[in-house]
Amino acid sequence: MLNLEWLTQEQEFTHHQVMMDAKKLNREQLLQIFESVHQQYQIQHRLFSRLASWCARNGTELPSFAELLKPKTTDHPVSEA
């Protein structure tokens, strides 16, 4: 089981919804989803590894894992209408 303290309340809620929907699927449907998620994980891991390698080659320091994994908020500019 994963540590949920990295998730926001909204993420916990949507995770719960996804898990409730997943319980309704048959084995083949779950395997298709698992295959897709696993491939996405592999791509994400490779991208992070390439980023770390680039930073090492170029003398750029990566932020800490705590900084990279903490929930982010986005401030959108206010448009003048």
N, C-alpha and C. Protein backbone atom coordinates (compact mmCIF):
# COMPACT_ATOMS: atom_id res chain seq x y z
N MET A 1 0.85 -1.18 0.00
CA MET A 1 0.00 0.00 0.00
C MET A 1 0.89 1.24 0.00
N LEU A 2 0.49 2.25 -0.74
CA LEU A 2 1.24 3.49 -0.85
C LEU A 2 0.97 4.40 0.34
N ASN A 3 1.93 5.26 0.62
CA ASN A 3 1.78 6.26 1.66
C ASN A 3 0.96 7.42 1.10
N LEU A 4 -0.21 7.65 1.67
CA LEU A 4 -1.12 8.67 1.14
C LEU A 4 -0.82 10.08 1.63
N GLU A 5 0.19 10.26 2.50
CA GLU A 5 0.46 11.61 2.99
C GLU A 5 1.00 12.53 1.89
N TRP A 6 1.40 11.97 0.74
CA TRP A 6 1.87 12.79 -0.37
C TRP A 6 0.70 13.31 -1.19
N LEU A 7 -0.51 12.82 -0.94
CA LEU A 7 -1.67 13.22 -1.73
C LEU A 7 -2.43 14.35 -1.05
N THR A 8 -3.00 15.20 -1.88
CA THR A 8 -3.90 16.23 -1.35
C THR A 8 -5.25 15.56 -1.08
N GLN A 9 -6.15 16.28 -0.42
CA GLN A 9 -7.48 15.73 -0.17
C GLN A 9 -8.20 15.43 -1.47
N GLU A 10 -8.04 16.31 -2.45
CA GLU A 10 -8.68 16.10 -3.75
C GLU A 10 -8.14 14.83 -4.41
N GLN A 11 -6.82 14.63 -4.34
CA GLN A 11 -6.22 13.43 -4.92
C GLN A 11 -6.69 12.18 -4.20
N GLU A 12 -6.79 12.23 -2.88
CA GLU A 12 -7.30 11.08 -2.12
C GLU A 12 -8.73 10.75 -2.55
N PHE A 13 -9.55 11.78 -2.73
CA PHE A 13 -10.93 11.59 -3.14
C PHE A 13 -11.01 10.95 -4.52
N THR A 14 -10.26 11.49 -5.49
CA THR A 14 -10.31 10.92 -6.83
C THR A 14 -9.72 9.52 -6.86
N HIS A 15 -8.69 9.27 -6.01
CA HIS A 15 -8.14 7.91 -5.92
C HIS A 15 -9.23 6.95 -5.42
N HIS A 16 -9.97 7.36 -4.43
CA HIS A 16 -11.05 6.52 -3.90
C HIS A 16 -12.10 6.25 -4.99
N GLN A 17 -12.45 7.27 -5.76
CA GLN A 17 -13.41 7.09 -6.85
C GLN A 17 -12.89 6.09 -7.88
N VAL A 18 -11.63 6.23 -8.26
CA VAL A 18 -11.03 5.32 -9.24
C VAL A 18 -11.05 3.89 -8.72
N MET A 19 -10.72 3.71 -7.44
CA MET A 19 -10.69 2.36 -6.87
C MET A 19 -12.10 1.75 -6.82
N MET A 20 -13.10 2.56 -6.54
CA MET A 20 -14.48 2.06 -6.53
C MET A 20 -14.89 1.63 -7.94
N ASP A 21 -14.51 2.41 -8.95
CA ASP A 21 -14.81 2.05 -10.34
C ASP A 21 -14.03 0.80 -10.76
N ALA A 22 -12.80 0.67 -10.30
CA ALA A 22 -11.97 -0.48 -10.67
C ALA A 22 -12.56 -1.79 -10.13
N LYS A 23 -13.22 -1.71 -9.00
CA LYS A 23 -13.83 -2.92 -8.42
C LYS A 23 -14.94 -3.48 -9.31
N LYS A 24 -15.46 -2.66 -10.22
CA LYS A 24 -16.54 -3.08 -11.11
C LYS A 24 -16.02 -3.75 -12.38
N LEU A 25 -14.69 -3.69 -12.62
CA LEU A 25 -14.11 -4.21 -13.86
C LEU A 25 -13.76 -5.69 -13.75
N ASN A 26 -13.73 -6.34 -14.91
CA ASN A 26 -13.31 -7.75 -14.91
C ASN A 26 -11.79 -7.82 -15.04
N ARG A 27 -11.25 -9.02 -14.97
CA ARG A 27 -9.80 -9.22 -14.98
C ARG A 27 -9.15 -8.63 -16.23
N GLU A 28 -9.71 -8.88 -17.40
CA GLU A 28 -9.11 -8.39 -18.66
C GLU A 28 -9.09 -6.87 -18.69
N GLN A 29 -10.15 -6.24 -18.25
CA GLN A 29 -10.20 -4.78 -18.23
C GLN A 29 -9.14 -4.23 -17.27
N LEU A 30 -8.98 -4.85 -16.10
CA LEU A 30 -7.97 -4.42 -15.15
C LEU A 30 -6.57 -4.61 -15.70
N LEU A 31 -6.32 -5.71 -16.42
CA LEU A 31 -5.00 -5.94 -17.01
C LEU A 31 -4.67 -4.89 -18.07
N GLN A 32 -5.66 -4.48 -18.86
CA GLN A 32 -5.43 -3.43 -19.85
C GLN A 32 -5.04 -2.11 -19.17
N ILE A 33 -5.73 -1.78 -18.10
CA ILE A 33 -5.41 -0.54 -17.37
C ILE A 33 -4.03 -0.66 -16.73
N PHE A 34 -3.74 -1.80 -16.12
CA PHE A 34 -2.44 -2.00 -15.48
C PHE A 34 -1.31 -1.87 -16.50
N GLU A 35 -1.50 -2.43 -17.68
CA GLU A 35 -0.48 -2.34 -18.72
C GLU A 35 -0.21 -0.88 -19.08
N SER A 36 -1.26 -0.10 -19.26
CA SER A 36 -1.11 1.30 -19.62
C SER A 36 -0.41 2.09 -18.50
N VAL A 37 -0.83 1.87 -17.27
CA VAL A 37 -0.24 2.59 -16.14
C VAL A 37 1.24 2.22 -15.99
N HIS A 38 1.55 0.94 -16.15
CA HIS A 38 2.94 0.50 -16.02
C HIS A 38 3.81 1.13 -17.10
N GLN A 39 3.32 1.20 -18.32
CA GLN A 39 4.09 1.83 -19.39
C GLN A 39 4.30 3.31 -19.10
N GLN A 40 3.28 3.98 -18.60
CA GLN A 40 3.42 5.40 -18.25
C GLN A 40 4.45 5.59 -17.14
N TYR A 41 4.45 4.68 -16.16
CA TYR A 41 5.43 4.73 -15.08
C TYR A 41 6.84 4.59 -15.64
N GLN A 42 7.03 3.66 -16.56
CA GLN A 42 8.35 3.46 -17.14
C GLN A 42 8.81 4.71 -17.90
N ILE A 43 7.91 5.34 -18.64
CA ILE A 43 8.25 6.56 -19.36
C ILE A 43 8.62 7.66 -18.38
N GLN A 44 7.82 7.82 -17.33
CA GLN A 44 8.08 8.85 -16.32
C GLN A 44 9.44 8.61 -15.68
N HIS A 45 9.74 7.38 -15.30
CA HIS A 45 11.03 7.07 -14.67
C HIS A 45 12.18 7.40 -15.61
N ARG A 46 12.04 7.06 -16.88
CA ARG A 46 13.10 7.34 -17.85
C ARG A 46 13.30 8.84 -18.02
N LEU A 47 12.19 9.59 -18.05
CA LEU A 47 12.30 11.04 -18.19
C LEU A 47 13.02 11.65 -16.99
N PHE A 48 12.71 11.16 -15.78
CA PHE A 48 13.38 11.70 -14.59
C PHE A 48 14.86 11.33 -14.61
N SER A 49 15.19 10.12 -15.02
CA SER A 49 16.59 9.70 -15.10
C SER A 49 17.35 10.56 -16.10
N ARG A 50 16.72 10.85 -17.24
CA ARG A 50 17.36 11.70 -18.25
C ARG A 50 17.54 13.12 -17.73
N LEU A 51 16.56 13.63 -16.99
CA LEU A 51 16.67 14.96 -16.40
C LEU A 51 17.83 15.00 -15.40
N ALA A 52 17.93 14.00 -14.55
CA ALA A 52 19.02 13.96 -13.57
C ALA A 52 20.37 13.88 -14.27
N SER A 53 20.47 13.09 -15.33
CA SER A 53 21.72 12.99 -16.09
C SER A 53 22.09 14.33 -16.72
N TRP A 54 21.10 15.01 -17.31
CA TRP A 54 21.34 16.31 -17.93
C TRP A 54 21.85 17.31 -16.89
N CYS A 55 21.18 17.32 -15.73
CA CYS A 55 21.60 18.25 -14.67
C CYS A 55 23.03 17.95 -14.22
N ALA A 56 23.38 16.68 -14.09
CA ALA A 56 24.74 16.31 -13.68
C ALA A 56 25.76 16.77 -14.73
N ARG A 57 25.46 16.58 -16.00
CA ARG A 57 26.38 16.99 -17.07
C ARG A 57 26.55 18.50 -17.14
N ASN A 58 25.49 19.24 -16.80
CA ASN A 58 25.51 20.69 -16.95
C ASN A 58 25.72 21.44 -15.64
N GLY A 59 26.03 20.72 -14.59
CA GLY A 59 26.30 21.37 -13.30
C GLY A 59 25.10 22.04 -12.67
N THR A 60 23.91 21.57 -13.00
CA THR A 60 22.67 22.12 -12.44
C THR A 60 22.19 21.22 -11.32
N GLU A 61 21.81 21.82 -10.20
CA GLU A 61 21.37 21.03 -9.06
C GLU A 61 19.85 20.83 -9.10
N LEU A 62 19.44 19.57 -8.96
CA LEU A 62 18.00 19.27 -8.89
C LEU A 62 17.46 19.66 -7.52
N PRO A 63 16.21 20.10 -7.45
CA PRO A 63 15.60 20.33 -6.14
C PRO A 63 15.50 19.01 -5.37
N SER A 64 15.31 19.08 -4.07
CA SER A 64 15.15 17.89 -3.24
C SER A 64 13.87 17.15 -3.63
N PHE A 65 13.80 15.86 -3.27
CA PHE A 65 12.58 15.09 -3.55
C PHE A 65 11.39 15.71 -2.83
N ALA A 66 11.60 16.20 -1.62
CA ALA A 66 10.49 16.83 -0.89
C ALA A 66 9.93 18.00 -1.68
N GLU A 67 10.82 18.79 -2.29
CA GLU A 67 10.38 19.93 -3.11
C GLU A 67 9.68 19.45 -4.38
N LEU A 68 10.23 18.43 -5.03
CA LEU A 68 9.65 17.93 -6.28
C LEU A 68 8.28 17.29 -6.06
N LEU A 69 8.09 16.64 -4.90
CA LEU A 69 6.87 15.87 -4.67
C LEU A 69 5.78 16.63 -3.92
N LYS A 70 6.10 17.80 -3.39
CA LYS A 70 5.07 18.51 -2.62
C LYS A 70 3.99 19.03 -3.57
N PRO A 71 2.75 19.10 -3.09
CA PRO A 71 1.66 19.61 -3.92
C PRO A 71 1.95 21.03 -4.37
N LYS A 72 1.61 21.30 -5.59
CA LYS A 72 1.85 22.61 -6.17
C LYS A 72 0.51 23.33 -6.38
N THR A 73 0.56 24.64 -6.30
CA THR A 73 -0.61 25.45 -6.67
C THR A 73 -0.17 26.39 -7.78
N THR A 74 -1.09 26.72 -8.63
CA THR A 74 -0.82 27.61 -9.74
C THR A 74 -1.61 28.88 -9.56
N ASP A 75 -0.93 30.00 -9.67
CA ASP A 75 -1.61 31.30 -9.60
C ASP A 75 -1.79 31.79 -11.03
N HIS A 76 -3.02 31.87 -11.46
CA HIS A 76 -3.33 32.33 -12.80
C HIS A 76 -3.45 33.85 -12.80
N PRO A 77 -2.94 34.50 -13.81
CA PRO A 77 -3.06 35.96 -13.86
C PRO A 77 -4.53 36.37 -14.01
N VAL A 78 -4.84 37.48 -13.43
CA VAL A 78 -6.20 38.01 -13.54
C VAL A 78 -6.29 38.81 -14.82
N SER A 79 -7.26 38.46 -15.65
CA SER A 79 -7.42 39.21 -16.90
C SER A 79 -8.24 40.46 -16.64
N GLU A 80 -7.87 41.51 -17.32
CA GLU A 80 -8.61 42.75 -17.19
C GLU A 80 -9.64 42.82 -18.31
N ALA A 81 -10.89 42.83 -17.91
CA ALA A 81 -11.96 42.82 -18.92
C ALA A 81 -12.67 44.15 -18.97
